[in-house]
């Protein structure tokens, strides 16, 4: 009899140990949030004394709120957090057209995807992408081009970069002329995008 009880206890401990090991290796976290019981009450539980018979008063003034997400946006990746830099006059470069110089200063292979903004065209625009090895173009950067023509970035074009090593890291999205990156280089008349770890 005692052997069966010890065997069951040993099996339970081993199973829980293996489960804990797998959770630790895959960095899985389990969290519990407090339950707010007021949200999911059925209509039968609401008493007549809880209902207020006053019509809502609508305010006729309209207010708008502007949120500057460049200063607060955080991409949380594992133990590393990447803060988007504060916009340093990025709206002043809304009329600039130029080539794109990209620098991958990370230790990961990266793909940069571009979706150009074409408001007058009714046909769909095919997005372009470029692949970079780790540290490729890290010193001076590389000028990007398209297969059939030179690449000219315009305000409103959208870029996003993501690691191709399975780490789920990404940078962006960047909107040309709206976000702090890419930055306009007045001397060379080009946009500069630097990816840092």
Foldseek 3Di string as FASTA:
>chain_A
DVVVVVVVVVVVVVVVVVVVVVCVVVVPDDDDDDDDVVPPDDPVPDDPVNDDPDDDDDDPDDDDDDDDCQQPDWDDFPPDIDHRDDADQLLVCQAAKAWEFEWAQAQFKKKKKKAADDVVDPDHDDIDIDIDHHRVCHPPGDTDQDPVTGDMHHFQMWMKMAGPPPSGDIDDRDGRSRGNPQDADPVVSYTYYYDDD
